Amino acid sequence: MKVGLFIPCYINQLYPQVGIATLELLEKLGVEVDYPMGQTCCGQPLGNSGYEQDSKGICQLFVENFKAYDYIVGPSGSCVYHVKKHFDILEQTDDVKRVRKNIYELCQFIHDVLGRTDVGASFPHKVGIHKSCHGLRGLRLGSCSERMDAHYSTEEDLLNNVKGLELKTLNRPDECCGFGGTFSVFEEAISVKMGKDRIQDHIDSDVEVITGADHSCLMHLEGLVNRNKQPLKVMHIAEILNSSI
């Protein structure tokens, strides 16, 4: 298979180590990875802010950059969900349909397409998962507490096979962190309070490292952790799955 690596803009600009970890992890798993140099944003920020029609050019450029690949893989549940579910603003050509069908969040790709749960990682720390809303309720990376489904979690399956890692159980394991893109700007006080609640849950659960599949949520939590000088480290799940400590 030929995989196109999609690295969201905020990871490219602020967390390049996550993009590198994603590439290295996929290559360790024997995947042939290509990085289209012309890629830009997926259009989600404009869409979330009510300017969906203005994002058509960005969305079409995304399709042009990734239409030739068997699969498109990105370390961001929210961006992948946007492409999968909101590119209906474009004319549904064969290329658009192909891109929407073949894009996967990183954990989902490893778990569902490659059929792997053990990636050979080692990370001897106590870890808590922040399950993002888009990943959990959009891409269905796991079961939700408001539904009467049998429990499952793509992220848990992968982390439970990391050598030395102790996965901690949270009191409210699938609650929103309050980021919500521009919500955190326009509703700052509510966003901060929600984020603080999530951080306290991790502290109460004896977590050392908060992880997740959406670095937008992790960025929000990391900002609060750093500002309040709390004893937690924040890492994207790609960094842990690529680790050999």
Protein backbone atom coordinates (compact mmCIF):
# COMPACT_ATOMS: atom_id res chain seq x y z
CA MET A 1 0.00 0.00 0.00
CA LYS A 2 1.05 3.61 -0.56
CA VAL A 3 0.18 5.92 2.31
CA GLY A 4 0.01 9.71 2.20
CA LEU A 5 0.98 11.27 5.52
CA PHE A 6 -1.30 14.15 6.54
CA ILE A 7 0.16 16.40 9.25
CA PRO A 8 -2.30 19.05 10.51
CA CYS A 9 -1.14 22.68 10.53
CA TYR A 10 -0.94 23.10 14.32
CA ILE A 11 1.21 19.96 14.63
CA ASN A 12 3.41 21.14 11.78
CA GLN A 13 3.86 24.55 13.41
CA LEU A 14 3.91 23.75 17.14
CA TYR A 15 4.48 20.02 17.67
CA PRO A 16 6.73 18.77 14.84
CA GLN A 17 7.93 15.91 17.05
CA VAL A 18 4.44 14.39 16.74
CA GLY A 19 4.67 14.39 12.95
CA ILE A 20 8.11 12.80 13.12
CA ALA A 21 6.89 10.15 15.58
CA THR A 22 3.96 9.35 13.29
CA LEU A 23 6.24 8.89 10.28
CA GLU A 24 8.75 6.76 12.20
CA LEU A 25 6.01 4.58 13.69
CA LEU A 26 4.40 3.87 10.33
CA GLU A 27 7.78 3.05 8.79
CA LYS A 28 8.56 0.67 11.68
CA LEU A 29 5.33 -1.12 10.82
CA GLY A 30 6.49 -1.61 7.24
CA VAL A 31 4.31 1.05 5.63
CA GLU A 32 5.56 2.94 2.58
CA VAL A 33 4.92 6.57 3.50
CA ASP A 34 4.95 9.68 1.33
CA TYR A 35 4.53 13.29 2.47
CA PRO A 36 2.89 15.56 -0.14
CA MET A 37 4.80 18.83 0.15
CA GLY A 38 1.89 20.89 -1.19
CA GLN A 39 -0.47 20.02 1.65
CA THR A 40 -1.97 22.77 3.80
CA CYS A 41 -4.95 22.91 6.17
CA CYS A 42 -7.92 20.53 5.91
CA GLY A 43 -10.34 23.46 6.27
CA GLN A 44 -11.67 22.60 9.71
CA PRO A 45 -11.02 25.99 11.42
CA LEU A 46 -13.04 27.84 8.77
CA GLY A 47 -15.82 25.26 8.84
CA ASN A 48 -16.07 25.33 12.64
CA SER A 49 -16.24 29.13 12.62
CA GLY A 50 -19.17 29.27 10.20
CA TYR A 51 -17.20 30.01 7.03
CA GLU A 52 -17.66 26.62 5.43
CA GLN A 53 -18.21 27.97 1.91
CA ASP A 54 -14.96 29.95 2.12
CA SER A 55 -13.07 26.75 2.85
CA LYS A 56 -13.92 25.06 -0.46
CA GLY A 57 -10.58 25.97 -2.05
CA ILE A 58 -8.63 24.53 0.88
CA CYS A 59 -10.69 21.35 0.83
CA GLN A 60 -10.22 20.92 -2.92
CA LEU A 61 -6.46 21.43 -2.53
CA PHE A 62 -6.46 18.68 0.11
CA VAL A 63 -8.12 16.33 -2.36
CA GLU A 64 -5.59 17.20 -5.07
CA ASN A 65 -2.69 16.47 -2.73
CA PHE A 66 -3.99 13.12 -1.47
CA LYS A 67 -6.17 11.63 -4.23
CA ALA A 68 -3.47 9.26 -5.55
CA TYR A 69 -2.87 7.35 -2.30
CA ASP A 70 -4.31 4.03 -1.17
CA TYR A 71 -4.69 5.45 2.33
CA ILE A 72 -4.29 8.85 3.99
CA VAL A 73 -3.18 8.76 7.63
CA GLY A 74 -3.06 11.64 10.10
CA PRO A 75 -2.40 11.97 13.86
CA SER A 76 -5.56 13.99 14.47
CA GLY A 77 -9.06 12.63 14.99
CA SER A 78 -10.75 16.00 14.49
CA CYS A 79 -9.03 16.78 11.17
CA VAL A 80 -9.67 13.28 9.84
CA TYR A 81 -13.30 13.53 10.90
CA HIS A 82 -13.63 16.87 9.11
CA VAL A 83 -12.41 15.38 5.83
CA LYS A 84 -14.56 12.28 6.23
CA LYS A 85 -17.78 14.00 7.23
CA HIS A 86 -17.67 17.61 6.06
CA PHE A 87 -16.17 17.44 2.57
CA ASP A 88 -19.74 17.11 1.33
CA ILE A 89 -19.50 20.84 0.52
CA LEU A 90 -17.48 19.78 -2.55
CA GLU A 91 -18.83 18.24 -5.73
CA GLN A 92 -18.69 14.51 -5.02
CA THR A 93 -16.28 13.48 -7.76
CA ASP A 94 -14.55 10.09 -7.70
CA ASP A 95 -11.43 11.76 -6.26
CA VAL A 96 -13.35 13.39 -3.43
CA LYS A 97 -15.15 10.16 -2.59
CA ARG A 98 -11.86 8.25 -2.63
CA VAL A 99 -10.15 10.68 -0.25
CA ARG A 100 -13.10 10.70 2.16
CA LYS A 101 -13.26 6.91 2.19
CA ASN A 102 -9.53 6.26 2.55
CA ILE A 103 -8.53 8.73 5.26
CA TYR A 104 -7.80 7.29 8.72
CA GLU A 105 -6.75 8.56 12.11
CA LEU A 106 -3.39 7.02 13.07
CA CYS A 107 -4.61 4.62 15.79
CA GLN A 108 -7.56 3.59 13.67
CA PHE A 109 -5.26 2.82 10.73
CA ILE A 110 -2.87 0.72 12.84
CA HIS A 111 -5.68 -1.11 14.61
CA ASP A 112 -8.25 -1.60 11.84
CA VAL A 113 -6.27 -1.57 8.58
CA LEU A 114 -2.93 -3.05 9.62
CA GLY A 115 -4.60 -5.28 12.22
CA ARG A 116 -1.93 -4.52 14.84
CA THR A 117 -2.34 -3.91 18.56
CA ASP A 118 1.28 -4.49 19.61
CA VAL A 119 3.68 -2.10 17.88
CA GLY A 120 6.72 -3.09 19.96
CA ALA A 121 6.77 0.06 22.08
CA SER A 122 8.09 0.47 25.61
CA PHE A 123 7.03 3.29 27.95
CA PRO A 124 7.26 2.61 31.73
CA HIS A 125 4.89 5.28 33.03
CA LYS A 126 1.39 5.72 34.44
CA VAL A 127 -0.74 6.99 31.57
CA GLY A 128 -4.23 8.44 31.28
CA ILE A 129 -6.08 8.78 27.95
CA HIS A 130 -7.99 11.88 26.99
CA LYS A 131 -10.55 10.62 24.48
CA SER A 132 -11.40 13.52 22.19
CA CYS A 133 -14.99 14.17 21.16
CA HIS A 134 -14.32 13.95 17.42
CA GLY A 135 -12.35 10.73 17.74
CA LEU A 136 -14.72 9.08 20.16
CA ARG A 137 -18.13 10.24 19.00
CA GLY A 138 -17.26 11.02 15.40
CA LEU A 139 -14.83 8.34 14.27
CA ARG A 140 -16.07 5.82 16.87
CA LEU A 141 -12.60 5.04 18.19
CA GLY A 142 -14.25 3.75 21.34
CA SER A 143 -17.51 3.25 23.18
CA CYS A 144 -19.22 6.23 24.83
CA SER A 145 -20.68 6.34 28.32
CA GLU A 146 -23.98 7.77 27.05
CA ARG A 147 -24.58 4.73 24.81
CA MET A 148 -25.41 1.20 25.91
CA ASP A 149 -22.58 -0.32 23.86
CA ALA A 150 -20.13 -2.99 24.97
CA HIS A 151 -16.87 -1.35 26.00
CA TYR A 152 -14.17 -1.02 23.37
CA SER A 153 -11.32 1.41 22.70
CA THR A 154 -8.82 1.48 19.86
CA GLU A 155 -6.45 3.64 21.91
CA GLU A 156 -6.67 1.37 24.96
CA ASP A 157 -5.98 -1.72 22.83
CA LEU A 158 -2.76 -0.15 21.56
CA LEU A 159 -1.58 1.28 24.88
CA ASN A 160 -2.31 -1.92 26.81
CA ASN A 161 0.31 -3.63 24.64
CA VAL A 162 3.05 -1.09 25.37
CA LYS A 163 5.71 -2.68 27.58
CA GLY A 164 5.87 -1.19 31.09
CA LEU A 165 2.94 1.17 30.57
CA GLU A 166 0.30 1.27 33.30
CA LEU A 167 -2.99 2.54 31.91
CA LYS A 168 -4.97 4.30 34.63
CA THR A 169 -8.77 4.36 34.85
CA LEU A 170 -10.31 7.82 35.05
CA ASN A 171 -13.49 8.75 36.92
CA ARG A 172 -14.97 10.43 33.83
CA PRO A 173 -13.13 8.75 30.94
CA ASP A 174 -14.90 10.35 27.99
CA GLU A 175 -15.70 13.89 29.08
CA CYS A 176 -14.88 16.88 26.82
CA CYS A 177 -11.76 18.90 27.68
CA GLY A 178 -13.41 22.17 26.66
CA PHE A 179 -11.11 23.06 23.77
CA GLY A 180 -13.56 22.89 20.86
CA GLY A 181 -11.41 24.96 18.50
CA THR A 182 -12.68 28.55 18.52
CA PHE A 183 -14.95 27.68 21.48
CA SER A 184 -11.88 28.07 23.69
CA VAL A 185 -11.51 31.64 22.38
CA PHE A 186 -15.14 32.79 22.47
CA GLU A 187 -16.08 30.92 25.68
CA GLU A 188 -12.75 31.13 27.49
CA ALA A 189 -14.03 30.83 31.07
CA ILE A 190 -16.14 27.72 30.38
CA SER A 191 -13.33 26.18 28.31
CA VAL A 192 -10.77 26.70 31.09
CA LYS A 193 -13.08 25.26 33.76
CA MET A 194 -13.75 22.15 31.65
CA GLY A 195 -10.02 21.70 31.03
CA LYS A 196 -9.18 22.04 34.71
CA ASP A 197 -11.78 19.39 35.55
CA ARG A 198 -10.17 16.96 33.09
CA ILE A 199 -6.69 17.61 34.47
CA GLN A 200 -7.85 17.10 38.05
CA ASP A 201 -9.38 13.75 37.09
CA HIS A 202 -5.97 12.63 35.79
CA ILE A 203 -4.22 13.85 38.94
CA ASP A 204 -6.78 12.10 41.17
CA SER A 205 -6.19 8.91 39.17
CA ASP A 206 -2.41 8.98 39.81
CA VAL A 207 -1.52 9.69 36.17
CA GLU A 208 1.98 10.80 35.17
CA VAL A 209 1.39 11.32 31.46
CA ILE A 210 -1.79 12.46 29.68
CA THR A 211 -2.06 11.19 26.12
CA GLY A 212 -4.61 11.13 23.31
CA ALA A 213 -5.06 11.05 19.56
CA ASP A 214 -5.93 14.75 19.14
CA HIS A 215 -3.15 17.22 19.88
CA SER A 216 -5.60 20.13 19.73
CA CYS A 217 -7.18 18.86 22.95
CA LEU A 218 -3.76 18.00 24.38
CA MET A 219 -2.51 21.51 23.55
CA HIS A 220 -5.39 22.98 25.57
CA LEU A 221 -4.69 20.70 28.53
CA GLU A 222 -0.92 21.23 28.32
CA GLY A 223 -1.40 25.01 28.46
CA LEU A 224 -3.41 24.70 31.67
CA VAL A 225 -0.95 22.20 33.18
CA ASN A 226 2.00 24.48 32.47
CA ARG A 227 0.26 27.64 33.68
CA ASN A 228 -0.72 25.99 36.95
CA LYS A 229 2.64 24.19 37.35
CA GLN A 230 0.99 20.79 37.79
CA PRO A 231 2.93 17.51 37.94
CA LEU A 232 1.82 16.09 34.60
CA LYS A 233 3.41 15.56 31.21
CA VAL A 234 1.36 15.72 28.01
CA MET A 235 2.29 13.55 24.99
CA HIS A 236 0.54 12.56 21.79
CA ILE A 237 -0.17 8.83 21.53
CA ALA A 238 2.12 8.62 18.46
CA GLU A 239 5.08 9.60 20.66
CA ILE A 240 4.29 6.82 23.14
CA LEU A 241 3.69 4.18 20.48
CA ASN A 242 6.98 5.17 18.86
CA SER A 243 8.85 5.05 22.16
CA SER A 244 11.43 2.44 23.16
CA ILE A 245 12.43 3.71 26.62
